[in-house]
N, C-alpha and C. Protein backbone atom coordinates (compact mmCIF):
# COMPACT_ATOMS: atom_id res chain seq x y z
N UNK A 1 9.72 -7.67 2.27
CA UNK A 1 7.36 -8.35 2.58
C UNK A 1 8.21 -10.07 1.77
N UNK A 2 8.69 -11.40 2.19
CA UNK A 2 9.01 -12.15 1.00
C UNK A 2 7.07 -12.47 0.51
N UNK A 3 7.67 -13.18 -0.13
CA UNK A 3 5.56 -13.13 -0.89
C UNK A 3 5.50 -14.95 0.27
N UNK A 4 4.06 -14.40 0.05
CA UNK A 4 2.93 -14.89 0.94
C UNK A 4 1.67 -14.57 0.26
N UNK A 5 1.50 -16.34 0.45
CA UNK A 5 0.15 -17.30 -0.33
C UNK A 5 -0.78 -17.48 0.36
N UNK A 6 -2.12 -17.35 0.49
CA UNK A 6 -2.58 -17.28 1.10
C UNK A 6 -3.97 -18.74 0.95
N UNK A 7 -4.52 -19.64 1.49
CA UNK A 7 -5.87 -20.23 0.63
C UNK A 7 -5.01 -20.70 -0.63
N UNK A 8 -4.33 -21.00 -1.08
CA UNK A 8 -3.39 -22.32 -2.03
C UNK A 8 -3.62 -23.90 -1.57
N UNK A 9 -3.23 -24.32 -3.19
CA UNK A 9 -2.95 -25.68 -2.90
C UNK A 9 -1.79 -25.97 -2.30
N UNK A 10 -1.26 -27.34 -2.22
CA UNK A 10 -0.42 -27.48 -1.74
C UNK A 10 0.55 -27.74 -2.84
N UNK A 11 0.40 -27.52 -3.95
CA UNK A 11 1.03 -27.38 -5.33
C UNK A 11 1.51 -25.06 -5.57
N UNK A 12 0.74 -25.29 -4.93
CA UNK A 12 0.80 -23.66 -5.03
C UNK A 12 0.05 -22.28 -6.14
N UNK A 13 -0.80 -23.75 -5.91
CA UNK A 13 -1.73 -22.77 -7.61
C UNK A 13 -3.60 -23.41 -7.17
N UNK A 14 -4.28 -22.89 -7.27
CA UNK A 14 -5.68 -23.39 -6.55
C UNK A 14 -6.15 -23.15 -8.13
N UNK A 15 -7.34 -24.01 -7.81
CA UNK A 15 -8.06 -24.38 -8.99
C UNK A 15 -8.32 -23.60 -9.70
N UNK A 16 -8.70 -23.59 -11.15
CA UNK A 16 -9.90 -22.73 -11.45
C UNK A 16 -11.48 -23.91 -11.72
N UNK A 17 -12.19 -22.39 -11.69
CA UNK A 17 -13.52 -22.56 -13.09
C UNK A 17 -14.16 -22.76 -11.22
N UNK A 18 -13.48 -21.62 -10.24
CA UNK A 18 -14.38 -21.89 -8.39
C UNK A 18 -14.90 -19.99 -8.36
N UNK A 19 -14.38 -19.34 -9.04
CA UNK A 19 -15.01 -17.67 -8.66
C UNK A 19 -13.50 -17.45 -7.83
N UNK A 20 -12.67 -18.59 -8.11
CA UNK A 20 -11.59 -17.70 -7.21
C UNK A 20 -10.34 -16.33 -7.70
N UNK A 21 -10.70 -15.75 -7.26
CA UNK A 21 -9.08 -14.01 -7.37
C UNK A 21 -8.38 -14.17 -6.60
N UNK A 22 -7.43 -14.52 -7.42
CA UNK A 22 -6.31 -13.83 -6.85
C UNK A 22 -6.11 -12.10 -6.60
N UNK A 23 -4.73 -12.14 -5.59
CA UNK A 23 -5.11 -10.70 -5.17
C UNK A 23 -2.54 -10.59 -4.92
N UNK A 24 -2.58 -9.84 -6.00
CA UNK A 24 -1.26 -9.65 -6.04
C UNK A 24 -0.91 -8.40 -5.54
N UNK A 25 -0.39 -8.28 -4.56
CA UNK A 25 -0.23 -7.17 -3.30
C UNK A 25 0.79 -6.84 -2.84
N UNK A 26 0.78 -4.45 -3.22
CA UNK A 26 2.01 -4.93 -2.34
C UNK A 26 1.90 -5.04 -0.53
N UNK A 27 3.59 -5.91 -0.37
CA UNK A 27 3.03 -5.92 1.64
C UNK A 27 2.80 -5.30 2.22
N UNK A 28 2.77 -3.21 2.19
CA UNK A 28 2.34 -2.56 3.16
C UNK A 28 1.16 -2.35 2.89
N UNK A 29 0.10 -3.62 2.00
CA UNK A 29 -1.20 -4.14 2.05
C UNK A 29 -1.85 -4.61 3.14
N UNK A 30 -0.41 -5.45 3.52
CA UNK A 30 -0.86 -7.56 3.70
C UNK A 30 -1.76 -7.67 4.98
N UNK A 31 -1.95 -6.96 5.64
CA UNK A 31 -2.20 -6.64 6.95
C UNK A 31 -3.88 -6.15 6.40
N UNK A 32 -3.69 -5.18 6.46
CA UNK A 32 -5.41 -4.09 5.69
C UNK A 32 -6.13 -5.46 5.30
N UNK A 33 -5.07 -5.78 3.57
CA UNK A 33 -6.08 -6.76 2.99
C UNK A 33 -6.42 -8.44 4.01
N UNK A 34 -6.15 -8.61 5.16
CA UNK A 34 -5.83 -9.48 5.31
C UNK A 34 -7.42 -9.50 6.67
N UNK A 35 -7.39 -8.18 6.61
CA UNK A 35 -8.46 -7.88 8.14
C UNK A 35 -9.78 -8.30 7.18
N UNK A 36 -9.62 -6.77 5.83
CA UNK A 36 -11.01 -7.32 5.18
C UNK A 36 -11.30 -8.24 4.81
N UNK A 37 -11.00 -9.11 4.62
CA UNK A 37 -10.44 -10.33 4.08
C UNK A 37 -11.69 -11.32 5.36
N UNK A 38 -12.05 -11.60 6.33
CA UNK A 38 -11.91 -11.94 7.28
C UNK A 38 -13.18 -11.04 7.88
N UNK A 39 -13.10 -9.33 7.92
CA UNK A 39 -14.43 -8.92 8.38
C UNK A 39 -16.05 -9.51 7.60
N UNK A 40 -15.13 -9.46 6.39
CA UNK A 40 -16.46 -9.16 5.35
C UNK A 40 -16.69 -10.99 4.95
N UNK A 41 -15.63 -12.10 5.60
CA UNK A 41 -15.33 -13.33 4.79
C UNK A 41 -15.33 -13.29 3.37
N UNK A 42 -14.43 -13.05 2.88
CA UNK A 42 -14.26 -13.22 1.61
C UNK A 42 -13.03 -14.69 1.08
N UNK A 43 -13.82 -15.59 1.12
CA UNK A 43 -13.31 -16.80 1.44
C UNK A 43 -12.42 -16.97 -0.02
N UNK A 44 -12.93 -16.73 -1.20
CA UNK A 44 -12.85 -16.39 -2.18
C UNK A 44 -11.25 -15.85 -2.86
N UNK A 45 -10.89 -14.84 -2.16
CA UNK A 45 -9.42 -14.19 -3.04
C UNK A 45 -8.44 -14.93 -2.16
N UNK A 46 -7.60 -14.73 -2.97
CA UNK A 46 -6.32 -15.07 -1.96
C UNK A 46 -5.20 -14.30 -2.27
N UNK A 47 -4.27 -14.12 -1.62
CA UNK A 47 -3.63 -13.42 -1.63
C UNK A 47 -1.58 -13.56 -2.04
N UNK A 48 -0.98 -12.83 -2.44
CA UNK A 48 0.09 -12.76 -2.24
C UNK A 48 0.47 -11.86 -2.72
N UNK A 49 1.81 -11.35 -1.71
CA UNK A 49 2.06 -10.02 -1.17
C UNK A 49 4.18 -10.04 -2.74
N UNK A 50 4.13 -8.95 -1.60
CA UNK A 50 5.44 -8.37 -3.35
C UNK A 50 6.05 -7.68 -2.32
N UNK A 51 7.57 -7.48 -2.49
CA UNK A 51 8.09 -7.05 -0.70
C UNK A 51 7.74 -6.09 -0.61
N UNK A 52 7.14 -5.19 0.49
CA UNK A 52 7.40 -3.65 1.37
C UNK A 52 8.28 -2.71 0.73
N UNK A 53 9.27 -3.24 0.64
CA UNK A 53 10.47 -2.54 0.22
C UNK A 53 10.49 -1.56 -1.38
N UNK A 54 10.31 -3.06 -1.76
CA UNK A 54 10.14 -2.43 -3.30
C UNK A 54 9.58 -0.67 -3.89
N UNK A 55 8.82 -0.06 -2.65
CA UNK A 55 8.71 1.04 -2.45
C UNK A 55 9.95 2.27 -2.73
N UNK A 56 11.23 1.82 -1.91
CA UNK A 56 11.81 1.88 -2.21
C UNK A 56 12.27 2.05 -3.41
N UNK A 57 12.59 0.98 -4.51
CA UNK A 57 12.75 1.22 -5.75
C UNK A 57 11.56 0.43 -6.54
N UNK A 58 11.18 1.74 -6.65
CA UNK A 58 9.75 1.64 -7.53
C UNK A 58 9.83 0.23 -8.95
N UNK A 59 11.01 0.81 -10.12
CA UNK A 59 11.17 -0.38 -11.02
C UNK A 59 11.12 -1.64 -10.80
N UNK A 60 11.56 -1.91 -9.46
CA UNK A 60 11.09 -3.22 -10.02
C UNK A 60 10.08 -4.06 -9.51
N UNK A 61 8.66 -3.25 -9.00
CA UNK A 61 7.16 -3.36 -8.59
C UNK A 61 6.34 -3.77 -10.23
N UNK A 62 6.98 -3.16 -11.45
CA UNK A 62 6.33 -3.55 -12.28
C UNK A 62 7.16 -4.58 -12.95
N UNK A 63 8.32 -5.71 -12.84
CA UNK A 63 8.18 -6.64 -13.16
C UNK A 63 7.77 -7.52 -12.22
N UNK A 64 8.03 -7.24 -11.18
CA UNK A 64 7.69 -8.59 -10.43
C UNK A 64 6.34 -8.77 -10.16
N UNK A 65 5.32 -7.35 -10.68
CA UNK A 65 4.57 -7.76 -10.95
C UNK A 65 3.76 -8.54 -12.47
N UNK A 66 4.70 -8.89 -13.84
CA UNK A 66 4.08 -9.19 -14.69
C UNK A 66 4.89 -11.21 -14.01
N UNK A 67 6.38 -11.23 -13.17
CA UNK A 67 5.66 -12.51 -12.94
C UNK A 67 5.38 -13.06 -12.50
N UNK A 68 4.32 -12.32 -11.53
CA UNK A 68 3.54 -13.00 -10.22
C UNK A 68 2.57 -13.60 -11.51
N UNK A 69 1.76 -12.79 -11.97
CA UNK A 69 0.54 -12.16 -13.10
C UNK A 69 0.92 -14.00 -13.96
N UNK A 70 2.31 -14.06 -14.17
CA UNK A 70 2.57 -15.69 -15.58
C UNK A 70 2.76 -16.55 -14.98
N UNK A 71 2.95 -16.47 -13.39
CA UNK A 71 3.09 -17.84 -12.44
C UNK A 71 2.14 -18.86 -12.70
N UNK A 72 0.76 -17.32 -12.15
CA UNK A 72 -0.75 -17.83 -11.49
C UNK A 72 -2.02 -18.04 -12.30
N UNK A 73 -1.85 -17.32 -13.23
CA UNK A 73 -2.96 -16.96 -13.52
C UNK A 73 -3.36 -17.98 -14.75
N UNK A 74 -3.07 -19.49 -14.71
CA UNK A 74 -3.27 -20.42 -15.04
C UNK A 74 -4.32 -21.33 -13.79
N UNK A 75 -4.54 -20.96 -13.14
CA UNK A 75 -5.53 -21.16 -11.62
C UNK A 75 -6.17 -20.66 -11.12
N UNK A 76 -6.41 -19.35 -12.03
CA UNK A 76 -7.35 -18.45 -11.40
C UNK A 76 -8.26 -17.35 -12.74
N UNK A 77 -9.44 -17.92 -12.06
CA UNK A 77 -10.49 -16.65 -13.01
C UNK A 77 -9.95 -15.32 -12.90
N UNK A 78 -9.54 -14.70 -12.04
CA UNK A 78 -9.48 -13.46 -12.46
C UNK A 78 -7.93 -13.73 -11.21
N UNK A 79 -7.21 -12.11 -11.20
CA UNK A 79 -6.55 -11.77 -11.41
C UNK A 79 -6.26 -10.21 -11.00
N UNK A 80 -5.87 -9.26 -9.28
CA UNK A 80 -6.39 -8.10 -9.58
C UNK A 80 -4.87 -7.75 -9.11
N UNK A 81 -4.54 -6.44 -9.56
CA UNK A 81 -3.30 -5.70 -8.90
C UNK A 81 -4.03 -5.03 -7.62
N UNK A 82 -3.16 -4.82 -6.56
CA UNK A 82 -3.23 -4.16 -5.69
C UNK A 82 -1.67 -3.32 -5.06
N UNK A 83 -1.78 -2.47 -5.92
CA UNK A 83 -0.96 -1.87 -6.17
C UNK A 83 -1.17 -0.54 -6.63
N UNK A 84 -1.78 0.59 -6.13
CA UNK A 84 -1.53 2.24 -7.32
C UNK A 84 -0.72 2.05 -8.49
N UNK A 85 -0.10 3.64 -9.27
CA UNK A 85 0.80 3.16 -9.45
C UNK A 85 2.28 3.69 -8.83
N UNK A 86 2.75 4.58 -7.55
CA UNK A 86 3.48 3.96 -6.67
C UNK A 86 4.84 4.40 -7.02
N UNK A 87 5.03 4.85 -8.12
CA UNK A 87 5.70 5.65 -8.66
C UNK A 87 6.31 4.85 -9.42
N UNK A 88 6.09 4.24 -10.95
CA UNK A 88 5.94 4.02 -11.65
C UNK A 88 6.31 4.61 -12.87
N UNK A 89 5.50 5.96 -12.66
CA UNK A 89 5.48 5.99 -13.68
C UNK A 89 5.01 5.96 -14.83
N UNK A 90 3.49 5.63 -14.57
CA UNK A 90 2.58 4.70 -15.33
C UNK A 90 2.97 3.30 -16.17
N UNK A 91 4.09 2.86 -15.66
CA UNK A 91 4.54 1.50 -16.12
C UNK A 91 3.43 -0.05 -15.96
N UNK A 92 3.47 0.13 -14.78
CA UNK A 92 2.60 -0.83 -13.96
C UNK A 92 0.84 -0.96 -14.57
N UNK A 93 0.60 0.38 -14.59
CA UNK A 93 -0.38 0.65 -15.75
C UNK A 93 -0.30 -0.39 -17.11
N UNK A 94 0.47 0.34 -17.25
CA UNK A 94 0.27 -0.19 -18.72
C UNK A 94 1.41 -1.54 -19.27
N UNK A 95 0.93 -2.42 -18.13
CA UNK A 95 1.94 -4.19 -17.70
C UNK A 95 0.30 -4.34 -18.31
N UNK A 96 -0.11 -3.90 -16.79
CA UNK A 96 -1.28 -4.81 -17.09
C UNK A 96 -2.15 -4.81 -17.45
N UNK A 97 -2.90 -3.03 -18.88
CA UNK A 97 -3.97 -3.44 -19.23
C UNK A 97 -2.89 -4.15 -20.50
N UNK A 98 -1.36 -4.99 -20.66
CA UNK A 98 -0.73 -5.81 -21.50
C UNK A 98 -1.63 -7.43 -21.47
N UNK A 99 -1.63 -7.03 -20.40
CA UNK A 99 -1.45 -8.83 -19.12
C UNK A 99 -2.55 -8.78 -19.35
N UNK A 100 -3.89 -7.63 -19.39
CA UNK A 100 -5.31 -7.79 -19.40
C UNK A 100 -5.50 -8.05 -18.02
N UNK A 101 -4.71 -7.04 -16.81
CA UNK A 101 -5.96 -7.74 -15.33
C UNK A 101 -5.77 -6.66 -15.01
N UNK A 102 -6.91 -6.32 -13.51
CA UNK A 102 -7.23 -4.70 -13.87
C UNK A 102 -5.87 -3.95 -12.04
N UNK A 103 -6.10 -3.46 -11.96
CA UNK A 103 -5.32 -2.89 -10.42
C UNK A 103 -6.45 -1.42 -9.82
N UNK A 104 -5.71 -1.34 -8.41
CA UNK A 104 -6.57 -0.12 -7.75
C UNK A 104 -6.04 0.76 -9.04
N UNK A 105 -6.37 1.71 -8.91
CA UNK A 105 -6.78 3.28 -9.08
C UNK A 105 -6.18 4.10 -8.32
N UNK A 106 -5.31 5.61 -7.99
CA UNK A 106 -5.11 6.33 -8.10
C UNK A 106 -3.32 6.92 -8.09
N UNK A 107 -3.00 7.55 -7.15
CA UNK A 107 -1.88 7.23 -7.83
C UNK A 107 -0.24 7.00 -6.79
N UNK A 108 -1.12 6.68 -5.64
CA UNK A 108 -0.61 5.70 -4.87
C UNK A 108 -1.31 5.66 -3.34
N UNK A 109 -0.70 4.51 -1.99
CA UNK A 109 -1.73 4.47 -1.32
C UNK A 109 -2.46 5.86 0.22
N UNK A 110 -1.87 6.60 -0.40
CA UNK A 110 -2.46 7.94 0.78
C UNK A 110 -3.60 8.31 -0.53
N UNK A 111 -3.45 7.84 -1.58
CA UNK A 111 -4.44 8.63 -2.31
C UNK A 111 -5.81 6.94 -1.54
N UNK A 112 -5.61 6.43 -2.35
CA UNK A 112 -7.28 5.63 -2.15
C UNK A 112 -6.76 5.31 -0.18
N UNK A 113 -6.25 5.32 0.16
CA UNK A 113 -6.87 5.23 1.71
C UNK A 113 -8.06 6.59 2.19
N UNK A 114 -7.53 7.47 1.63
CA UNK A 114 -8.40 9.13 1.88
C UNK A 114 -9.43 8.71 0.93
N UNK A 115 -8.97 8.15 0.01
CA UNK A 115 -10.37 7.95 -1.39
C UNK A 115 -9.97 9.07 -2.28
N UNK A 116 -9.98 8.50 -3.43
CA UNK A 116 -8.97 9.46 -4.42
C UNK A 116 -9.76 10.70 -4.73
N UNK A 117 -11.25 10.37 -4.96
CA UNK A 117 -11.82 11.63 -5.36
C UNK A 117 -11.53 13.03 -3.89
N UNK A 118 -11.06 12.44 -2.67
CA UNK A 118 -11.20 13.47 -1.81
C UNK A 118 -9.63 14.20 -1.23
N UNK A 119 -8.91 13.29 -2.46
CA UNK A 119 -7.51 13.11 -1.74
C UNK A 119 -6.89 14.23 -3.01
N UNK A 120 -7.98 14.29 -4.36
CA UNK A 120 -7.39 14.99 -5.29
C UNK A 120 -7.71 16.34 -5.31
N UNK A 121 -9.32 16.42 -4.76
CA UNK A 121 -10.16 17.89 -4.18
C UNK A 121 -8.70 19.14 -3.31
N UNK A 122 -8.43 18.27 -2.44
CA UNK A 122 -7.56 18.77 -1.46
C UNK A 122 -5.76 18.55 -1.04
N UNK A 123 -4.68 18.14 -2.41
CA UNK A 123 -3.60 17.49 -2.62
C UNK A 123 -3.67 19.43 -2.48
N UNK A 124 -3.73 20.46 -3.34
CA UNK A 124 -3.24 21.41 -3.63
C UNK A 124 -2.92 22.11 -2.66
N UNK A 125 -4.33 21.98 -1.35
CA UNK A 125 -3.72 22.70 -0.41
C UNK A 125 -3.11 22.27 0.81
N UNK A 126 -2.42 20.42 0.00
CA UNK A 126 -1.65 20.25 1.03
C UNK A 126 -0.32 19.58 0.28
N UNK A 127 0.02 20.38 -0.32
CA UNK A 127 1.42 19.77 -0.96
C UNK A 127 3.04 20.04 0.78
N UNK A 128 2.76 21.20 1.65
CA UNK A 128 3.43 20.55 2.48
C UNK A 128 3.58 19.69 3.28
N UNK A 129 2.68 18.61 3.26
CA UNK A 129 2.08 17.71 3.85
C UNK A 129 2.68 16.27 3.56
N UNK A 130 3.32 15.91 4.44
CA UNK A 130 4.19 14.13 4.64
C UNK A 130 2.86 13.39 4.94
N UNK A 131 2.38 11.95 4.47
CA UNK A 131 1.20 10.81 5.03
C UNK A 131 2.51 9.98 5.39
N UNK A 132 1.45 9.61 6.15
CA UNK A 132 2.19 8.08 7.15
C UNK A 132 0.81 6.95 7.20
N UNK A 133 0.90 6.26 6.76
CA UNK A 133 -0.32 5.08 6.82
C UNK A 133 0.32 3.96 8.72
N UNK A 134 -0.52 3.30 8.58
CA UNK A 134 -0.57 2.49 10.27
C UNK A 134 0.68 1.95 9.66
N UNK A 135 0.99 0.96 8.08
CA UNK A 135 2.19 0.31 7.81
C UNK A 135 3.25 1.09 8.00
N UNK A 136 3.40 2.43 7.94
CA UNK A 136 4.61 3.05 7.74
C UNK A 136 5.01 3.68 8.85
N UNK A 137 4.13 3.72 9.41
CA UNK A 137 3.70 4.57 11.59
C UNK A 137 5.09 3.00 12.51
N UNK A 138 4.40 1.44 12.01
CA UNK A 138 5.18 0.69 12.50
C UNK A 138 6.30 0.71 12.06
N UNK A 139 6.50 1.01 10.88
CA UNK A 139 7.43 0.40 9.42
C UNK A 139 9.12 2.30 9.35
N UNK A 140 8.41 2.78 10.05
CA UNK A 140 8.84 3.55 10.91
C UNK A 140 10.49 4.17 10.40
N UNK A 141 11.16 3.38 10.88
CA UNK A 141 12.65 4.03 10.94
C UNK A 141 12.77 2.77 9.76
N UNK A 142 12.67 1.38 9.19
CA UNK A 142 12.41 1.03 8.55
C UNK A 142 12.26 1.52 6.87
N UNK A 143 11.76 2.76 6.76
CA UNK A 143 11.24 2.95 5.67
C UNK A 143 11.17 4.45 5.62
N UNK A 144 11.87 5.48 6.45
CA UNK A 144 11.67 7.08 6.44
C UNK A 144 12.92 7.22 6.88
N UNK A 145 13.33 6.33 8.31
CA UNK A 145 14.63 6.86 8.39
C UNK A 145 16.02 7.22 8.60
N UNK A 146 15.89 5.05 9.07
CA UNK A 146 16.91 4.45 8.14
C UNK A 146 17.19 4.75 6.68
N UNK A 147 16.45 4.82 5.56
CA UNK A 147 16.65 4.77 3.78
C UNK A 147 17.38 6.50 4.02
N UNK A 148 16.97 6.91 4.60
CA UNK A 148 16.85 8.62 3.99
C UNK A 148 19.06 9.13 4.93
N UNK A 149 18.96 7.89 5.96
CA UNK A 149 20.30 8.30 6.80
C UNK A 149 20.33 8.92 7.84
N UNK A 150 19.16 8.84 8.58
CA UNK A 150 18.13 10.76 9.40
C UNK A 150 19.43 9.76 10.28
N UNK A 151 19.15 8.40 10.88
CA UNK A 151 19.56 7.41 11.80
C UNK A 151 20.82 7.93 12.15
N UNK A 152 22.19 8.00 11.28
CA UNK A 152 23.81 8.52 10.90
C UNK A 152 23.38 9.56 11.18
N UNK A 153 22.63 10.36 10.21
CA UNK A 153 22.98 12.31 9.44
C UNK A 153 21.93 13.16 10.39
N UNK A 154 21.55 12.70 11.23
CA UNK A 154 20.59 13.49 12.46
C UNK A 154 20.29 15.31 11.43
N UNK A 155 21.01 16.03 11.37
CA UNK A 155 21.27 17.52 10.71
C UNK A 155 21.03 17.23 9.50
N UNK A 156 19.81 16.50 8.52
CA UNK A 156 19.86 16.04 7.07
C UNK A 156 18.19 16.01 7.03
N UNK A 157 17.72 16.11 8.02
CA UNK A 157 16.68 15.73 8.42
C UNK A 157 15.30 17.28 8.07
N UNK A 158 16.33 18.63 8.24
CA UNK A 158 15.52 20.06 7.69
C UNK A 158 16.19 19.89 6.38
N UNK A 159 16.98 18.92 5.44
CA UNK A 159 16.94 19.39 4.53
C UNK A 159 15.62 18.62 3.27
N UNK A 160 15.54 16.50 3.88
CA UNK A 160 14.72 17.18 3.69
C UNK A 160 13.00 16.59 3.84
N UNK A 161 12.98 17.69 5.51
CA UNK A 161 11.32 18.48 5.57
C UNK A 161 11.55 19.69 5.53
N UNK A 162 12.14 20.46 5.84
CA UNK A 162 12.81 21.81 5.18
C UNK A 162 11.22 21.87 5.39
N UNK A 163 10.59 22.10 4.02
CA UNK A 163 9.32 22.55 3.17
C UNK A 163 8.44 21.92 3.89
N UNK A 164 8.46 20.93 4.44
CA UNK A 164 7.10 20.37 5.10
C UNK A 164 6.50 21.08 6.28
N UNK A 165 5.47 21.40 6.59
CA UNK A 165 4.79 21.75 7.56
C UNK A 165 4.09 21.11 8.56
N UNK A 166 3.59 19.43 8.34
CA UNK A 166 2.76 19.03 8.64
C UNK A 166 3.06 17.82 8.51
N UNK A 167 2.53 16.55 8.96
CA UNK A 167 1.88 15.53 9.01
C UNK A 167 1.08 14.31 8.97
N UNK A 168 0.43 13.71 8.68
CA UNK A 168 -1.07 13.49 8.65
C UNK A 168 -0.42 12.27 8.65
N UNK A 169 -1.01 12.24 9.86
CA UNK A 169 -1.03 10.04 10.17
C UNK A 169 -2.96 9.38 9.01
N UNK A 170 -2.42 9.14 8.67
CA UNK A 170 -3.81 8.03 7.76
C UNK A 170 -3.95 7.14 8.97
N UNK A 171 -4.54 6.97 9.41
CA UNK A 171 -5.44 5.79 10.39
C UNK A 171 -6.07 4.94 9.69
N UNK A 172 -5.95 3.25 9.32
CA UNK A 172 -6.83 2.90 8.92
C UNK A 172 -7.71 2.51 10.04
N UNK A 173 -6.65 1.95 11.41
CA UNK A 173 -7.58 1.84 12.75
C UNK A 173 -7.50 2.51 14.12
N UNK A 174 -9.23 2.05 14.61
CA UNK A 174 -8.25 2.97 15.84
C UNK A 174 -7.76 2.59 17.06
N UNK A 175 -5.54 3.17 16.64
CA UNK A 175 -5.00 1.95 17.42
C UNK A 175 -4.02 3.03 17.94
N UNK A 176 -4.97 3.39 19.34
CA UNK A 176 -4.42 4.49 20.32
C UNK A 176 -2.02 4.50 20.45
N UNK A 177 -1.64 3.47 20.19
CA UNK A 177 -0.67 3.19 19.86
C UNK A 177 0.18 3.18 19.24
N UNK A 178 -0.95 3.46 18.56
CA UNK A 178 -0.01 4.14 16.67
C UNK A 178 -0.55 5.16 16.26
N UNK A 179 -1.05 5.21 16.95
CA UNK A 179 -1.14 7.68 17.42
C UNK A 179 -0.21 8.09 18.16
N UNK A 180 -0.10 6.96 19.23
CA UNK A 180 1.52 8.43 19.85
C UNK A 180 2.59 7.54 19.26
N UNK A 181 2.15 7.15 18.09
CA UNK A 181 3.78 6.03 18.06
C UNK A 181 3.98 7.68 16.84
N UNK A 182 2.60 7.82 15.84
CA UNK A 182 2.81 8.39 15.18
C UNK A 182 3.12 9.54 15.12
N UNK A 183 2.89 10.54 16.59
CA UNK A 183 2.93 11.13 17.01
C UNK A 183 4.51 11.84 17.06
N UNK A 184 4.86 11.19 17.75
CA UNK A 184 6.36 10.22 18.09
C UNK A 184 7.32 11.44 16.47
N UNK A 185 6.43 10.47 15.47
CA UNK A 185 6.97 10.49 14.17
C UNK A 185 6.80 11.85 13.61
N UNK A 186 5.81 12.28 13.61
CA UNK A 186 5.88 14.35 13.18
C UNK A 186 6.73 15.13 14.43
N UNK A 187 6.41 14.67 16.60
CA UNK A 187 8.23 15.04 16.70
C UNK A 187 9.26 15.57 16.23
N UNK A 188 9.84 13.94 15.48
CA UNK A 188 11.03 13.36 15.45
C UNK A 188 11.53 14.19 14.15
N UNK A 189 10.53 14.21 12.91
CA UNK A 189 10.59 15.46 11.74
C UNK A 189 10.99 16.85 12.30
N UNK A 190 10.00 17.19 12.92
CA UNK A 190 9.51 18.56 13.24
C UNK A 190 8.27 19.44 12.72
N UNK A 191 7.52 18.65 13.12
CA UNK A 191 6.15 18.63 12.02
C UNK A 191 5.22 19.23 13.15
N UNK A 192 4.17 19.77 13.05
CA UNK A 192 2.93 19.44 12.90
C UNK A 192 1.72 18.13 12.43
N UNK A 193 1.46 17.66 14.13
CA UNK A 193 0.74 16.82 13.83
C UNK A 193 -0.58 16.72 13.15
N UNK A 194 -1.48 15.98 12.69
CA UNK A 194 -2.77 15.63 12.56
C UNK A 194 -3.27 13.79 11.94
N UNK A 195 -4.24 13.87 13.23
CA UNK A 195 -4.42 12.01 12.51
C UNK A 195 -6.02 12.41 12.03
N UNK A 196 -6.02 11.71 11.04
CA UNK A 196 -7.12 11.76 10.73
C UNK A 196 -7.43 9.89 10.14
N UNK A 197 -8.61 9.84 10.76
CA UNK A 197 -9.50 8.48 10.18
C UNK A 197 -10.14 8.26 8.77
N UNK A 198 -9.35 7.66 7.80
CA UNK A 198 -9.92 6.98 7.37
C UNK A 198 -10.21 6.03 7.09
N UNK A 199 -9.92 5.01 7.36
CA UNK A 199 -10.44 3.17 7.22
C UNK A 199 -9.44 2.47 6.29
N UNK A 200 -10.45 2.45 5.42
CA UNK A 200 -9.62 1.06 4.63
C UNK A 200 -9.78 2.28 2.93
N UNK A 201 -10.97 3.62 2.70
CA UNK A 201 -10.77 3.78 2.07
C UNK A 201 -11.53 3.05 0.26
N UNK A 202 -11.29 3.38 -0.20
CA UNK A 202 -11.59 2.83 -1.46
C UNK A 202 -10.45 1.48 -1.74
N UNK A 203 -9.94 1.16 -0.72
CA UNK A 203 -9.59 0.23 -0.88
C UNK A 203 -10.40 -1.06 -0.23
N UNK A 204 -11.93 -0.99 0.32
CA UNK A 204 -11.86 -1.77 0.93
C UNK A 204 -13.23 -1.45 -0.61
N UNK A 205 -13.74 -1.22 -0.69
CA UNK A 205 -14.67 -0.72 -2.21
C UNK A 205 -14.47 -0.47 -3.61
N UNK A 206 -13.17 -0.88 -3.91
CA UNK A 206 -12.29 -1.95 -4.83
C UNK A 206 -12.70 -3.27 -5.11
N UNK A 207 -12.24 -3.54 -3.75
CA UNK A 207 -12.45 -5.08 -3.14
C UNK A 207 -13.83 -5.59 -3.43
N UNK A 208 -14.61 -4.52 -2.59
CA UNK A 208 -15.80 -5.66 -2.44
C UNK A 208 -16.13 -5.67 -3.75
N UNK A 209 -15.81 -4.98 -4.94
CA UNK A 209 -16.81 -5.53 -5.83
C UNK A 209 -15.84 -6.75 -6.94
N UNK A 210 -15.10 -6.93 -6.50
CA UNK A 210 -14.13 -8.71 -7.06
C UNK A 210 -15.58 -9.32 -6.16
């Protein structure tokens, strides 16, 4: 997903001193953040997104966050990073600390959508669970099937997913069409299906504090 700015000036920068907050977010969260902005009237929040495909290359996340903070920080009263650790092995948290910006708590979006405390409490009983969010259901082919080569080599499915038992669809919205597609994803992977309506979880409560 290309870099996407909301409510910026023509020069690409927002004025300081007006309580404006810039959210630097994963592109996989863009729809959810925009929905929360509209629902709650959070007009003081601007959004810029890094490509969702960086989840396939987590080493790119930290560098890109650093560059984006540096680019925009002079024109914002606060910058907040809407990423969890996301496979960076603590490097993103270290970079945010060095830059003096905060970020979302948790290991990944599955955790903060579920609620970090709840996810941690049940994680030991769900080690054979594969998770999908609204975004990943929509982009299942692009982020699961093709990167793993399952479109070209379907026989690899059991190699990758043979130790999984269940697919949990963490639904952010109540969309019957997405639920049906998530069921199809589970069938494609040979897993049992569970739909769990999480809403926006800790993402909503975290952004509300801004």
